[in-house]
Amino acid sequence: MTSPGKPGTAAGPRTGGPRGRRARGVPLPLLVPGVVALAFLLLPLLALLVRAPWRSLPDQLTSAEVWQALQLSLVTATAATGVSLVLGVPLAWLLARTDFPGRRLVRALVTLPLVLPPVVGGVALLLALGRNGVVGKWLDAWFGITLPFTTAGVVIAEAFVAMPFLVISVEGTLRAADPRYEEAATTLGASRFTAFRRVTLPLIAPGVAAGAVLAWARALGEFGATITFAGNFPGRTQTMPLAVYLALENDPEAAISLSLVLLAVSIAVLAGLRDRWLTGT
């Protein structure tokens, strides 16, 4: 028989746990700013849906210019994600599994593109890989390779801003994974690379997939570094965000249609990652 008045018993009110805390109500000084913040974030998206040219949307999305930008965006974002996977996963392993001088500084530099203004990133890419850049002049002189204002330049600009998302995701997954499995594989005769490929990589596959999706979505929406480093040439470097910017002056309905596509992609990414990044009810 339970004693009356005890929290959590039949006679007393439940005050512990998330449900008990929610039952206490929301203070007005927190409720009002919270609702205003929610409206501030949702109102522009709702306005986009309200003002969308739904009747002409199929014609807008199937026009040659829009389809060209959409196709180029999908190709370059996928290529940038591939570059991020090939280079970012080993970098994440080095940051998570090895100890070397200046590791914290390297980690800070890796995450710098997350907070760096994209236009500044584009300028930095020009100074590094431009025809007169630190490395670009040698690429041009030795191999005849010119990267700025080309489709390859779009891929490089997108990979520059998207790779940190993958590195952070994979590094966090590696730190959460038990390194003893990898060590056991090496004690049984496997090389470090074989242990990584056969043991560690399958363990961190969900984190790699999540990071790849985030990198792909970031690459798809990249604007500042792309227009600075690769320009805005239809069919060659004009991706969807650049097409939105250009269409906003000449054809607002096309700009809204392209914006809806980018919005749909963003929602799909969040829906696909909800189990990993978002908590439950």
Protein backbone atom coordinates (compact mmCIF):
# COMPACT_ATOMS: atom_id res chain seq x y z
CA MET A 1 0.00 0.00 0.00
CA THR A 2 1.48 3.30 -1.04
CA SER A 3 1.82 6.16 1.38
CA PRO A 4 -0.15 9.32 0.54
CA GLY A 5 1.61 12.44 -0.62
CA LYS A 6 4.75 10.74 -2.01
CA PRO A 7 5.78 11.89 -5.45
CA GLY A 8 5.31 9.17 -8.03
CA THR A 9 2.77 7.21 -5.96
CA ALA A 10 -0.93 6.69 -6.60
CA ALA A 11 -1.93 9.31 -4.04
CA GLY A 12 0.67 11.96 -4.84
CA PRO A 13 1.17 13.99 -8.04
CA ARG A 14 3.95 13.03 -10.45
CA THR A 15 6.55 15.74 -10.51
CA GLY A 16 9.55 13.87 -11.93
CA GLY A 17 10.35 13.14 -15.55
CA PRO A 18 9.67 15.15 -18.69
CA ARG A 19 5.87 14.86 -18.45
CA GLY A 20 5.85 16.20 -14.90
CA ARG A 21 7.99 19.15 -15.89
CA ARG A 22 5.79 19.97 -18.88
CA ALA A 23 2.66 19.91 -16.71
CA ARG A 24 3.87 22.88 -14.69
CA GLY A 25 3.11 25.30 -17.51
CA VAL A 26 5.23 27.74 -19.48
CA PRO A 27 6.22 31.12 -18.01
CA LEU A 28 4.82 34.00 -20.04
CA PRO A 29 8.26 35.70 -20.42
CA LEU A 30 9.44 32.52 -22.19
CA LEU A 31 6.27 31.72 -24.09
CA VAL A 32 5.92 35.04 -25.90
CA PRO A 33 9.51 35.27 -27.25
CA GLY A 34 9.36 31.59 -28.15
CA VAL A 35 6.20 32.04 -30.21
CA VAL A 36 7.62 35.18 -31.85
CA ALA A 37 10.80 33.29 -32.76
CA LEU A 38 8.76 30.45 -34.26
CA ALA A 39 6.72 32.91 -36.33
CA PHE A 40 9.90 34.70 -37.39
CA LEU A 41 11.39 31.45 -38.72
CA LEU A 42 8.25 30.07 -40.34
CA LEU A 43 6.72 33.22 -41.84
CA PRO A 44 9.19 33.56 -44.76
CA LEU A 45 8.72 29.89 -45.64
CA LEU A 46 4.95 30.21 -45.49
CA ALA A 47 5.14 33.32 -47.67
CA LEU A 48 7.15 31.34 -50.20
CA LEU A 49 4.43 28.68 -50.30
CA VAL A 50 1.61 31.22 -50.49
CA ARG A 51 3.16 33.23 -53.32
CA ALA A 52 4.31 30.19 -55.28
CA PRO A 53 3.01 30.03 -58.87
CA TRP A 54 1.45 26.60 -58.46
CA ARG A 55 -0.37 26.66 -61.80
CA SER A 56 2.72 27.51 -63.81
CA LEU A 57 5.09 25.53 -61.60
CA PRO A 58 5.37 22.51 -63.94
CA ASP A 59 6.18 24.79 -66.88
CA GLN A 60 8.69 26.71 -64.79
CA LEU A 61 10.51 23.59 -63.61
CA THR A 62 10.62 22.03 -67.08
CA SER A 63 11.98 25.11 -68.84
CA ALA A 64 15.40 24.73 -70.41
CA GLU A 65 17.10 27.27 -68.14
CA VAL A 66 15.70 25.89 -64.91
CA TRP A 67 16.40 22.29 -65.87
CA GLN A 68 19.94 23.21 -66.89
CA ALA A 69 20.63 24.81 -63.51
CA LEU A 70 18.95 21.94 -61.67
CA GLN A 71 20.93 19.30 -63.52
CA LEU A 72 24.22 21.14 -63.00
CA SER A 73 23.47 21.58 -59.29
CA LEU A 74 22.73 17.90 -58.79
CA VAL A 75 25.86 16.83 -60.65
CA THR A 76 28.23 19.27 -58.94
CA ALA A 77 26.75 18.69 -55.46
CA THR A 78 27.15 14.93 -55.90
CA ALA A 79 30.71 15.34 -57.16
CA ALA A 80 31.55 17.67 -54.26
CA THR A 81 30.13 15.11 -51.84
CA GLY A 82 32.30 12.43 -53.43
CA VAL A 83 35.38 14.63 -52.98
CA SER A 84 34.37 15.26 -49.38
CA LEU A 85 34.01 11.52 -48.73
CA VAL A 86 37.36 10.61 -50.28
CA LEU A 87 39.25 13.34 -48.43
CA GLY A 88 37.08 14.03 -45.39
CA VAL A 89 36.71 10.53 -43.95
CA PRO A 90 40.51 9.99 -43.65
CA LEU A 91 40.85 13.46 -42.16
CA ALA A 92 38.16 12.70 -39.60
CA TRP A 93 39.95 9.45 -38.69
CA LEU A 94 43.23 11.31 -38.18
CA LEU A 95 41.52 13.83 -35.90
CA ALA A 96 39.72 11.16 -33.89
CA ARG A 97 42.26 8.35 -33.69
CA THR A 98 45.72 9.94 -33.77
CA ASP A 99 47.52 12.35 -31.52
CA PHE A 100 49.85 14.84 -33.16
CA PRO A 101 51.13 18.32 -32.32
CA GLY A 102 48.66 21.04 -33.16
CA ARG A 103 45.65 18.72 -33.48
CA ARG A 104 43.34 21.26 -31.84
CA LEU A 105 44.52 23.95 -34.22
CA VAL A 106 43.97 21.65 -37.19
CA ARG A 107 40.46 20.85 -35.98
CA ALA A 108 39.72 24.57 -35.64
CA LEU A 109 41.00 25.22 -39.17
CA VAL A 110 38.92 22.36 -40.55
CA THR A 111 35.75 23.85 -39.09
CA LEU A 112 36.65 27.39 -40.19
CA PRO A 113 34.61 27.22 -43.44
CA LEU A 114 31.51 26.72 -41.30
CA VAL A 115 31.76 30.28 -39.97
CA LEU A 116 33.77 31.88 -42.76
CA PRO A 117 31.65 34.08 -45.05
CA PRO A 118 31.30 32.13 -48.32
CA VAL A 119 32.41 35.10 -50.40
CA VAL A 120 35.65 35.20 -48.39
CA GLY A 121 36.07 31.49 -49.10
CA GLY A 122 35.66 32.20 -52.81
CA VAL A 123 38.28 34.95 -52.68
CA ALA A 124 40.65 32.59 -50.82
CA LEU A 125 40.11 29.92 -53.48
CA LEU A 126 40.92 32.45 -56.19
CA LEU A 127 44.13 33.44 -54.44
CA ALA A 128 45.09 29.79 -54.04
CA LEU A 129 43.85 28.14 -57.23
CA GLY A 130 43.35 31.06 -59.61
CA ARG A 131 45.45 31.45 -62.73
CA ASN A 132 47.84 33.68 -60.76
CA GLY A 133 47.23 31.95 -57.44
CA VAL A 134 49.74 30.33 -55.14
CA VAL A 135 49.05 26.86 -56.55
CA GLY A 136 46.94 27.71 -59.57
CA LYS A 137 49.79 29.30 -61.52
CA TRP A 138 51.75 26.05 -61.33
CA LEU A 139 48.72 24.01 -62.37
CA ASP A 140 48.33 26.27 -65.37
CA ALA A 141 52.02 26.30 -66.27
CA TRP A 142 52.73 22.59 -65.80
CA PHE A 143 49.46 20.90 -66.69
CA GLY A 144 47.42 23.58 -68.45
CA ILE A 145 44.68 23.26 -65.80
CA THR A 146 42.57 26.33 -65.09
CA LEU A 147 39.96 25.88 -62.38
CA PRO A 148 38.20 29.25 -61.89
CA PHE A 149 35.02 29.84 -63.90
CA THR A 150 34.69 26.18 -64.84
CA THR A 151 32.40 23.36 -63.74
CA ALA A 152 35.33 21.83 -61.87
CA GLY A 153 35.66 25.14 -60.05
CA VAL A 154 32.03 24.82 -58.92
CA VAL A 155 32.79 21.37 -57.49
CA ILE A 156 35.85 22.70 -55.64
CA ALA A 157 33.95 25.67 -54.20
CA GLU A 158 31.11 23.44 -53.02
CA ALA A 159 33.49 20.86 -51.54
CA PHE A 160 35.34 23.61 -49.66
CA VAL A 161 32.22 24.71 -47.80
CA ALA A 162 30.59 21.26 -47.49
CA MET A 163 33.45 19.03 -46.35
CA PRO A 164 33.55 20.34 -42.74
CA PHE A 165 29.99 19.04 -42.21
CA LEU A 166 31.11 15.54 -43.13
CA VAL A 167 34.33 15.72 -41.13
CA ILE A 168 32.51 16.82 -37.97
CA SER A 169 29.88 14.11 -38.33
CA VAL A 170 32.38 11.31 -38.98
CA GLU A 171 34.78 12.46 -36.26
CA GLY A 172 31.97 12.49 -33.71
CA THR A 173 30.92 8.99 -34.76
CA LEU A 174 34.50 7.75 -34.54
CA ARG A 175 34.90 9.14 -31.04
CA ALA A 176 31.70 7.39 -29.98
CA ALA A 177 32.77 4.07 -31.53
CA ASP A 178 34.76 1.67 -29.37
CA PRO A 179 38.39 1.66 -30.60
CA ARG A 180 39.01 -1.76 -29.04
CA TYR A 181 37.48 -3.48 -32.06
CA GLU A 182 40.04 -1.82 -34.28
CA GLU A 183 42.85 -2.68 -31.85
CA ALA A 184 41.71 -6.30 -31.69
CA ALA A 185 41.85 -6.54 -35.47
CA THR A 186 45.43 -5.23 -35.51
CA THR A 187 46.49 -7.74 -32.83
CA LEU A 188 45.14 -10.52 -35.07
CA GLY A 189 47.46 -9.44 -37.87
CA ALA A 190 45.40 -6.91 -39.81
CA SER A 191 47.05 -3.69 -40.90
CA ARG A 192 45.69 -0.39 -39.65
CA PHE A 193 44.11 0.31 -43.03
CA THR A 194 42.55 -3.16 -43.21
CA ALA A 195 41.17 -2.75 -39.68
CA PHE A 196 39.71 0.60 -40.67
CA ARG A 197 38.19 -0.76 -43.89
CA ARG A 198 36.84 -4.04 -42.52
CA VAL A 199 35.98 -3.10 -38.91
CA THR A 200 35.77 0.63 -38.28
CA LEU A 201 34.12 1.76 -41.49
CA PRO A 202 31.09 -0.57 -41.12
CA LEU A 203 30.69 0.63 -37.51
CA ILE A 204 30.64 4.30 -38.47
CA ALA A 205 28.64 3.87 -41.67
CA PRO A 206 25.54 5.67 -40.28
CA GLY A 207 27.67 8.68 -39.31
CA VAL A 208 29.34 8.71 -42.71
CA ALA A 209 25.95 8.56 -44.43
CA ALA A 210 24.57 11.38 -42.28
CA GLY A 211 27.64 13.52 -42.94
CA ALA A 212 27.43 12.83 -46.68
CA VAL A 213 23.78 13.90 -46.79
CA LEU A 214 24.55 17.10 -44.88
CA ALA A 215 27.51 17.83 -47.15
CA TRP A 216 25.39 17.21 -50.25
CA ALA A 217 22.65 19.53 -49.03
CA ARG A 218 25.19 22.24 -48.15
CA ALA A 219 26.85 21.90 -51.55
CA LEU A 220 23.50 22.11 -53.30
CA GLY A 221 22.72 25.42 -51.61
CA GLU A 222 26.14 27.01 -51.94
CA PHE A 223 26.15 30.51 -53.44
CA GLY A 224 28.86 32.91 -52.27
CA ALA A 225 31.99 30.87 -52.87
CA THR A 226 30.61 29.53 -56.15
CA ILE A 227 29.80 32.89 -57.73
CA THR A 228 33.12 34.33 -56.57
CA PHE A 229 35.35 31.45 -57.68
CA ALA A 230 33.39 29.96 -60.59
CA GLY A 231 31.21 32.82 -61.84
CA ASN A 232 27.67 32.62 -63.16
CA PHE A 233 27.73 31.15 -66.66
CA PRO A 234 24.55 29.31 -67.74
CA GLY A 235 25.16 25.67 -68.50
CA ARG A 236 28.67 25.73 -67.07
CA THR A 237 28.72 27.27 -63.61
CA GLN A 238 25.18 28.54 -62.98
CA THR A 239 23.79 26.37 -60.19
CA MET A 240 20.32 26.63 -58.69
CA PRO A 241 21.12 29.29 -56.04
CA LEU A 242 22.78 31.41 -58.72
CA ALA A 243 19.81 30.91 -61.02
CA VAL A 244 17.49 32.03 -58.21
CA TYR A 245 19.52 35.20 -57.75
CA LEU A 246 19.53 35.95 -61.47
CA ALA A 247 15.84 35.10 -61.99
CA LEU A 248 14.78 37.29 -59.08
CA GLU A 249 15.48 40.36 -61.22
CA ASN A 250 14.03 39.13 -64.53
CA ASP A 251 11.55 36.33 -63.74
CA PRO A 252 10.38 36.27 -60.10
CA GLU A 253 8.12 33.26 -60.69
CA ALA A 254 11.09 31.19 -61.85
CA ALA A 255 13.01 32.33 -58.76
CA ILE A 256 10.17 31.17 -56.53
CA SER A 257 9.95 27.84 -58.35
CA LEU A 258 13.65 27.17 -57.91
CA SER A 259 13.42 28.24 -54.28
CA LEU A 260 10.64 25.71 -53.75
CA VAL A 261 12.87 22.96 -55.11
CA LEU A 262 15.67 23.91 -52.72
CA LEU A 263 13.15 24.08 -49.86
CA ALA A 264 11.85 20.62 -50.71
CA VAL A 265 15.40 19.23 -50.74
CA SER A 266 16.13 20.79 -47.35
CA ILE A 267 12.97 19.32 -45.84
CA ALA A 268 13.83 15.91 -47.30
CA VAL A 269 17.30 16.09 -45.73
CA LEU A 270 15.87 16.96 -42.32
CA ALA A 271 13.30 14.18 -42.62
CA GLY A 272 16.00 11.68 -43.53
CA LEU A 273 18.18 12.70 -40.59
CA ARG A 274 15.45 13.10 -37.96
CA ASP A 275 16.34 9.87 -36.13
CA ARG A 276 19.98 10.92 -35.81
CA TRP A 277 19.82 14.66 -35.23
CA LEU A 278 16.39 15.33 -33.80
CA THR A 279 15.07 14.05 -30.48
CA GLY A 280 11.72 12.48 -29.89
CA THR A 281 8.44 13.90 -28.65
